[in-house]
Protein backbone atom coordinates (compact mmCIF):
# COMPACT_ATOMS: atom_id res chain seq x y z
CA MET A 1 141.56 156.24 150.54
CA LYS A 2 140.20 153.54 152.75
CA ARG A 3 137.27 151.62 151.28
CA HIS A 4 134.01 153.04 152.63
CA LYS A 5 131.30 150.58 153.62
CA LEU A 6 127.93 151.41 152.10
CA TYR A 7 125.63 150.07 154.77
CA LEU A 8 123.56 153.21 155.31
CA ALA A 9 123.68 152.75 159.04
CA LEU A 10 123.50 155.94 161.09
CA PRO A 11 125.63 157.94 161.12
CA LEU A 12 127.75 156.58 158.30
CA VAL A 13 125.53 157.94 155.50
CA LEU A 14 126.20 155.80 152.47
CA GLY A 15 129.37 154.74 154.22
CA LEU A 16 130.84 158.08 153.16
CA SER A 17 132.42 160.52 155.57
CA LEU A 18 130.22 163.56 156.05
CA SER A 19 132.82 165.24 158.23
CA THR A 20 134.51 166.43 155.07
CA GLY A 21 131.42 168.32 153.94
CA LEU A 22 129.99 168.26 150.45
CA ALA A 23 132.40 168.22 147.57
CA PRO A 24 132.78 171.26 145.36
CA ALA A 25 131.07 171.22 142.00
CA SER A 26 132.89 169.06 139.48
CA SER A 27 134.12 169.82 136.00
CA ALA A 28 130.71 168.70 134.71
CA ASP A 29 129.45 172.21 135.55
CA ARG A 30 130.53 173.79 132.30
CA ASN A 31 127.89 174.64 129.71
CA SER A 32 125.26 174.97 132.44
CA THR A 33 121.90 176.24 131.26
CA LYS A 34 118.84 177.72 132.90
CA SER A 35 117.34 175.44 135.55
CA PRO A 36 114.06 173.72 134.64
CA ALA A 37 110.83 174.20 136.56
CA THR A 38 110.16 171.64 139.29
CA ALA A 39 107.07 170.50 141.22
CA THR A 40 107.03 168.66 144.54
CA ALA A 41 105.25 165.30 144.62
CA ALA A 42 106.12 164.41 148.25
CA ASP A 43 108.17 165.80 151.10
CA GLY A 44 109.07 165.05 154.70
CA LEU A 45 110.94 161.91 153.66
CA LEU A 46 113.83 160.39 155.60
CA SER A 47 116.73 159.34 153.36
CA PRO A 48 114.84 158.77 150.07
CA LEU A 49 117.70 157.00 148.32
CA SER A 50 115.78 154.80 145.89
CA LEU A 51 112.91 155.49 143.52
CA ALA A 52 110.77 153.72 140.91
CA ALA A 53 108.17 155.14 138.54
CA GLY A 54 105.66 153.37 136.32
CA ARG A 55 102.04 153.11 135.26
CA HIS A 56 101.08 151.91 138.73
CA GLY A 57 102.57 154.95 140.43
CA LEU A 58 105.65 156.26 142.20
CA PHE A 59 107.49 154.20 144.79
CA VAL A 60 110.18 155.53 147.08
CA THR A 61 112.25 154.04 149.88
CA GLN A 62 113.10 155.76 153.13
CA ASN A 63 116.22 153.70 153.64
CA PHE A 64 117.20 154.63 157.18
CA ALA A 65 113.59 154.26 158.37
CA GLY A 66 113.24 150.83 156.75
CA LEU A 67 110.17 151.90 154.75
CA LEU A 68 108.85 151.34 151.24
CA ASN A 69 106.24 153.94 150.27
CA LYS A 70 103.84 154.52 147.42
CA VAL A 71 103.37 158.20 146.62
CA ARG A 72 99.74 159.20 146.22
CA SER A 73 98.40 162.30 144.49
CA HIS A 74 96.85 163.49 147.76
CA GLY A 75 97.89 162.85 151.33
CA ASP A 76 101.01 161.38 152.83
CA PRO A 77 102.87 158.55 151.07
CA LYS A 78 101.31 155.17 151.80
CA VAL A 79 103.49 152.63 153.62
CA LEU A 80 103.63 149.42 151.58
CA TYR A 81 106.25 147.72 153.69
CA SER A 82 108.10 148.34 156.97
CA SER A 83 111.11 146.25 157.89
CA GLY A 84 110.98 147.15 161.55
CA GLY A 85 114.63 148.13 161.50
CA PRO A 86 116.80 146.87 158.63
CA GLU A 87 117.47 149.14 155.68
CA VAL A 88 115.01 149.04 152.78
CA GLY A 89 116.20 150.24 149.37
CA SER A 90 116.86 149.31 145.73
CA VAL A 91 113.25 149.67 144.59
CA SER A 92 112.29 148.82 140.99
CA LEU A 93 109.17 147.80 139.07
CA TYR A 94 108.13 145.16 136.60
CA LYS A 95 104.43 145.17 135.68
CA ASP A 96 102.43 144.76 138.92
CA THR A 97 105.40 143.73 141.06
CA VAL A 98 107.62 145.93 143.18
CA TYR A 99 111.15 144.70 143.87
CA PHE A 100 113.35 145.99 146.67
CA SER A 101 116.18 145.01 148.96
CA GLU A 102 116.15 144.55 152.71
CA GLY A 103 119.16 143.93 154.88
CA GLY A 104 122.14 145.11 156.82
CA GLY A 105 124.90 143.79 159.01
CA GLY A 106 128.38 142.92 157.92
CA VAL A 107 129.95 145.27 160.47
CA ASP A 108 130.88 144.81 164.12
CA GLY A 109 130.54 141.05 163.78
CA GLN A 110 126.90 141.14 162.65
CA PRO A 111 125.89 138.72 159.89
CA ASN A 112 125.52 140.35 156.49
CA MET A 113 122.12 139.77 154.83
CA GLN A 114 120.89 141.43 151.65
CA TRP A 115 117.57 139.97 150.57
CA ILE A 116 116.08 140.79 147.17
CA THR A 117 112.33 140.83 147.81
CA SER A 118 109.17 141.18 145.74
CA LEU A 119 105.75 142.55 146.62
CA ASP A 120 102.59 142.45 144.52
CA ASN A 121 101.43 146.03 144.20
CA HIS A 122 97.73 145.13 143.82
CA ARG A 123 97.12 142.17 146.09
CA MET A 124 99.56 143.37 148.77
CA ALA A 125 100.38 139.80 149.70
CA THR A 126 103.19 138.89 152.07
CA PRO A 127 106.55 139.97 150.60
CA ASN A 128 108.41 137.16 148.86
CA LYS A 129 112.11 136.84 149.66
CA ILE A 130 113.80 135.76 146.45
CA ALA A 131 117.54 135.60 147.08
CA ASP A 132 120.16 136.73 149.60
CA VAL A 133 122.92 138.29 147.50
CA ALA A 134 125.10 138.59 150.61
CA ALA A 135 125.14 134.79 150.84
CA TYR A 136 126.30 134.68 147.22
CA GLU A 137 128.99 137.26 147.97
CA ALA A 138 130.22 135.20 150.92
CA LYS A 139 130.48 132.13 148.70
CA ARG A 140 131.79 133.64 145.44
CA ASN A 141 133.26 137.10 146.23
CA PRO A 142 133.32 138.23 142.56
CA ASP A 143 136.14 140.77 143.01
CA GLY A 144 138.16 138.54 145.31
CA GLN A 145 141.04 138.36 142.81
CA VAL A 146 141.16 142.11 142.18
CA THR A 147 143.94 144.03 143.92
CA TYR A 148 143.07 147.44 145.31
CA GLY A 149 145.31 150.05 146.92
CA PHE A 150 148.89 150.50 145.73
CA ARG A 151 148.74 147.41 143.52
CA ASP A 152 151.95 148.25 141.62
CA VAL A 153 154.12 148.97 144.66
CA ARG A 154 156.37 145.97 145.34
CA ASP A 155 158.46 147.45 148.17
CA GLN A 156 156.99 145.98 151.35
CA GLN A 157 158.95 148.41 153.53
CA CYS A 158 157.23 151.25 151.67
CA LEU A 159 153.81 149.65 152.14
CA ASP A 160 154.51 149.15 155.83
CA ARG A 161 154.88 152.92 156.20
CA ILE A 162 151.30 153.58 155.02
CA PRO A 163 149.38 155.15 157.94
CA GLU A 164 146.85 153.07 159.84
CA GLY A 165 143.38 153.57 158.42
CA ILE A 166 144.54 153.46 154.79
CA GLN A 167 144.67 150.00 153.27
CA ALA A 168 148.00 149.78 151.45
CA LYS A 169 147.26 146.78 149.21
CA TYR A 170 144.46 144.25 149.45
CA LYS A 171 142.21 141.90 147.52
CA GLY A 172 138.48 142.45 147.16
CA GLN A 173 136.82 141.63 150.45
CA VAL A 174 133.60 139.79 151.28
CA ASP A 175 131.09 142.63 151.55
CA SER A 176 127.57 142.97 150.13
CA HIS A 177 125.20 145.91 149.94
CA ALA A 178 122.41 145.81 147.36
CA TYR A 179 122.03 149.44 146.35
CA ALA A 180 119.83 149.27 143.24
CA THR A 181 117.80 146.77 141.23
CA ALA A 182 116.31 146.56 137.74
CA ALA A 183 113.79 143.84 136.92
CA ASN A 184 112.44 142.35 133.69
CA LYS A 185 110.38 139.24 132.90
CA SER A 186 113.00 136.68 133.85
CA SER A 187 115.67 138.38 135.92
CA ILE A 188 116.52 140.95 138.55
CA TYR A 189 119.79 142.82 138.10
CA VAL A 190 121.47 144.12 141.24
CA ALA A 191 124.04 146.88 141.65
CA ASP A 192 125.89 145.54 144.68
CA ALA A 193 127.91 148.41 146.11
CA GLY A 194 129.74 146.14 148.54
CA ALA A 195 130.58 143.41 146.04
CA ASN A 196 131.70 145.97 143.40
CA ALA A 197 129.69 143.96 140.89
CA ILE A 198 126.51 143.80 138.87
CA LEU A 199 124.67 140.61 139.79
CA LYS A 200 121.80 138.73 138.18
CA VAL A 201 119.05 136.90 140.05
CA ASP A 202 117.03 134.38 138.04
CA LYS A 203 113.39 134.75 139.07
CA ARG A 204 112.47 131.11 138.51
CA SER A 205 115.48 129.31 139.99
CA LYS A 206 116.47 132.11 142.39
CA ARG A 207 120.04 131.49 141.31
CA VAL A 208 122.46 134.41 141.68
CA SER A 209 125.30 134.95 139.20
CA THR A 210 127.83 137.65 138.35
CA VAL A 211 127.30 139.76 135.24
CA ALA A 212 130.43 141.89 135.64
CA VAL A 213 132.87 143.33 138.17
CA LEU A 214 133.40 147.04 137.55
CA PRO A 215 136.96 148.25 136.97
CA ALA A 216 138.82 149.88 139.83
CA VAL A 217 139.39 153.64 139.77
CA SER A 218 143.04 154.66 139.79
CA VAL A 219 144.36 157.92 141.20
CA ARG A 220 147.98 159.03 140.84
CA VAL A 221 149.20 160.34 144.19
CA SER A 222 150.79 163.79 144.08
CA ALA A 223 153.30 165.13 146.57
CA VAL A 224 150.65 167.50 147.92
CA GLN A 225 148.14 164.68 148.42
CA ALA A 226 150.75 162.47 150.04
CA ALA A 227 151.68 165.20 152.50
CA GLY A 228 148.06 165.90 153.32
CA MET A 229 147.29 162.23 154.01
CA GLY A 230 150.52 161.45 155.82
CA LEU A 231 151.69 159.07 153.10
CA PRO A 232 155.39 158.29 152.70
CA ASP A 233 157.42 159.81 149.85
CA CYS A 234 157.88 156.37 148.28
CA VAL A 235 154.27 156.38 146.98
CA VAL A 236 154.41 159.81 145.34
CA GLY A 237 153.68 159.31 141.66
CA GLU A 238 152.21 155.86 142.26
CA ARG A 239 148.62 154.94 141.51
CA TYR A 240 146.12 153.99 144.19
CA TYR A 241 143.27 151.78 142.99
CA LEU A 242 139.90 152.48 144.60
CA GLU A 243 136.96 150.07 144.69
CA PRO A 244 134.36 151.03 142.03
CA VAL A 245 131.15 150.77 144.15
CA PRO A 246 128.20 150.51 141.71
CA THR A 247 125.17 152.53 142.84
CA ASP A 248 122.55 152.07 140.12
CA VAL A 249 121.55 149.77 137.28
CA GLU A 250 119.02 150.61 134.55
CA PHE A 251 117.97 148.90 131.33
CA GLY A 252 119.15 150.13 127.95
CA LYS A 253 118.72 148.72 124.47
CA HIS A 254 120.15 145.52 122.96
CA GLY A 255 120.98 143.90 126.28
CA TRP A 256 122.95 146.81 127.72
CA LEU A 257 122.63 147.96 131.31
CA TYR A 258 123.51 151.50 132.44
CA VAL A 259 125.42 151.76 135.70
CA THR A 260 126.70 154.53 137.97
CA SER A 261 129.86 154.12 140.05
CA LEU A 262 130.80 156.00 143.20
CA PRO A 263 134.34 154.92 144.10
CA GLY A 264 135.32 154.12 147.67
CA GLY A 265 137.45 156.89 149.14
CA PRO A 266 137.14 160.44 150.41
CA GLU A 267 134.22 162.43 149.00
CA ASP A 268 135.62 165.84 149.89
CA GLY A 269 137.00 166.41 146.41
CA SER A 270 140.60 165.94 147.51
CA LEU A 271 141.11 163.20 144.91
CA GLY A 272 138.88 164.80 142.30
CA ALA A 273 135.41 163.97 141.02
CA LEU A 274 135.75 160.23 140.45
CA GLY A 275 132.17 159.11 139.75
CA ARG A 276 131.58 157.39 136.42
CA VAL A 277 128.84 156.05 134.16
CA PHE A 278 129.23 152.70 132.42
CA LYS A 279 127.23 150.44 130.21
CA VAL A 280 127.48 146.73 130.95
CA HIS A 281 126.25 144.03 128.60
CA SER A 282 123.87 141.75 130.46
CA GLU A 283 125.00 138.61 128.60
CA SER A 284 128.69 139.05 127.78
CA GLY A 285 129.60 141.14 130.82
CA LYS A 286 131.48 143.63 128.63
CA VAL A 287 132.01 146.96 130.44
CA VAL A 288 132.28 150.27 128.56
CA GLN A 289 132.88 153.63 130.26
CA LEU A 290 130.57 156.34 128.92
CA ALA A 291 131.34 159.39 131.07
CA SER A 292 133.34 160.44 134.11
CA GLY A 293 133.96 163.42 136.38
CA PHE A 294 130.92 163.11 138.67
CA SER A 295 130.96 164.07 142.33
CA GLY A 296 129.07 161.30 144.10
CA ALA A 297 127.21 159.53 141.25
CA THR A 298 124.45 157.75 143.17
CA ASN A 299 121.81 157.15 140.48
CA LEU A 300 120.92 157.64 136.82
CA ALA A 301 118.00 157.67 134.42
CA VAL A 302 118.03 157.30 130.64
CA SER A 303 115.53 159.22 128.50
CA SER A 304 113.79 157.95 125.38
CA ARG A 305 116.20 160.16 123.41
CA GLY A 306 119.19 158.42 124.94
CA ASP A 307 120.22 161.28 127.25
CA ILE A 308 121.66 160.12 130.59
CA TYR A 309 120.74 162.03 133.75
CA VAL A 310 123.04 161.53 136.74
CA ALA A 311 122.44 162.40 140.40
CA GLU A 312 125.61 163.95 141.82
CA MET A 313 124.87 163.73 145.52
CA PHE A 314 128.08 165.42 146.62
CA GLY A 315 128.03 167.95 143.81
CA ASN A 316 124.52 169.09 144.81
CA LYS A 317 123.17 168.77 141.29
CA ILE A 318 121.68 166.59 138.59
CA SER A 319 123.78 166.47 135.44
CA VAL A 320 122.98 165.29 131.94
CA VAL A 321 125.12 163.57 129.34
CA LYS A 322 123.50 164.15 125.96
CA LYS A 323 123.29 161.22 123.55
CA GLY A 324 126.51 160.86 121.60
CA HIS A 325 128.51 162.96 124.07
CA HIS A 326 130.88 162.01 126.88
CA LYS A 327 130.90 165.23 128.89
CA ALA A 328 128.17 166.22 131.29
CA ARG A 329 126.57 169.59 131.95
CA THR A 330 124.50 170.73 134.88
CA PHE A 331 120.78 170.14 134.42
CA LEU A 332 119.52 171.18 137.85
CA GLU A 333 121.25 172.45 140.97
CA THR A 334 119.65 170.90 144.05
CA SER A 335 120.64 169.69 147.49
CA THR A 336 121.99 166.13 147.73
CA PRO A 337 119.97 164.37 145.02
CA GLY A 338 119.62 160.66 145.73
CA ALA A 339 117.61 158.84 143.05
CA LEU A 340 116.31 159.45 139.53
CA GLU A 341 113.66 157.86 137.32
CA ILE A 342 112.08 158.80 133.99
CA TYR A 343 108.50 157.93 133.12
CA GLU A 344 106.37 159.43 130.33
CA ASP A 345 108.88 162.20 129.63
CA ARG A 346 109.01 163.31 133.23
CA LEU A 347 112.12 163.14 135.32
CA TYR A 348 111.45 162.22 138.94
CA ALA A 349 114.16 162.88 141.50
CA THR A 350 114.64 162.63 145.24
CA THR A 351 116.49 165.54 146.83
CA HIS A 352 117.72 166.41 150.32
CA ALA A 353 118.38 162.67 150.48
CA LEU A 354 120.76 162.83 153.42
CA PRO A 355 119.15 163.60 156.79
CA ASP A 356 120.23 165.95 159.54
CA PHE A 357 122.13 163.65 161.89
CA SER A 358 122.02 166.12 164.75
CA GLY A 359 118.42 165.09 165.31
CA GLN A 360 117.39 168.74 165.54
CA ALA A 361 115.46 168.96 162.28
CA PRO A 362 112.55 166.89 160.90
CA PRO A 363 113.04 164.77 157.76
CA ALA A 364 113.46 167.07 154.76
CA GLY A 365 113.70 164.62 151.85
CA LYS A 366 111.65 165.48 148.77
CA LEU A 367 110.37 163.83 145.63
CA ILE A 368 110.21 166.29 142.75
CA LYS A 369 109.15 166.01 139.11
CA ILE A 370 110.35 167.84 136.01
CA LYS A 371 108.80 167.83 132.57
CA LEU A 372 111.52 167.06 130.04
CA ARG A 373 109.66 168.28 126.95
């Protein structure tokens, strides 16, 4: 139940422990229907964890390689930007401009930098660094007053018996990792997985502000779980509050943003499928939970009908929450989906998003497309 850092540095993989293997399919599997037909738009990608689609084309990041690519109809994806090392991710589009994040650090004493950057898709000018959300996190720490862990346990002797490696009780820490962006005419919204918050970057002033901090995820500890994790009997029946870890942000109607959450903690299914989908109002900061029960919710896309598609990376599937419903069903079973986008009634998805860390196999990431109607 220790907070996992999402720095995408090898071999951490999203900051989540791969040693546990992929989680079993979640309860969202019920009412599964026949899988739709898919077509491959690109393959041979290394960690394609972010995707954008629009009238100017398809854009995908190869996060671990530090690359931003444009997918062409023929030939290999074109490299639009190479960081030379730091992670590149969080790609989004607004008109002719591509927005993405570049950064890393924050571990082993390295400075944490998370630049939100823009690049003109046509003129291919030098990338413009807009704002460092890690600097904002260091100054403001939006969830700094939120208590995680066993927040309701008052017995310090009990807390002192929590095994090393599990944080017993703590406030939100200074930690930034821009995982997704969504841009409009005036602003760039950022799902900061480290800050546990949705941030807003004003394009003109470059000022960063907090839209909302997502609510913590609570899990009641059973006797079986306590025994398996080496926890003392005094916490059996108590709730452990996990950091929410936002992983995507997309525009909805009337000022609402749609957000996925992948809570910090083990992703082996031992605590259940804890991923959630929220909507967050971009002005008031109001947070409303729409659906839950996802196994590794790393991305979403909203159709013109109002259906919400969710990438369940550790459930090996893409699920869909139909408009007006709160329960998901399986839309497509596929290996470790990473990112989703909808454009002109086509769902685009990256799959095989996590690489083979043994180094024995070539990059196997894919970009696929599915006609929705």
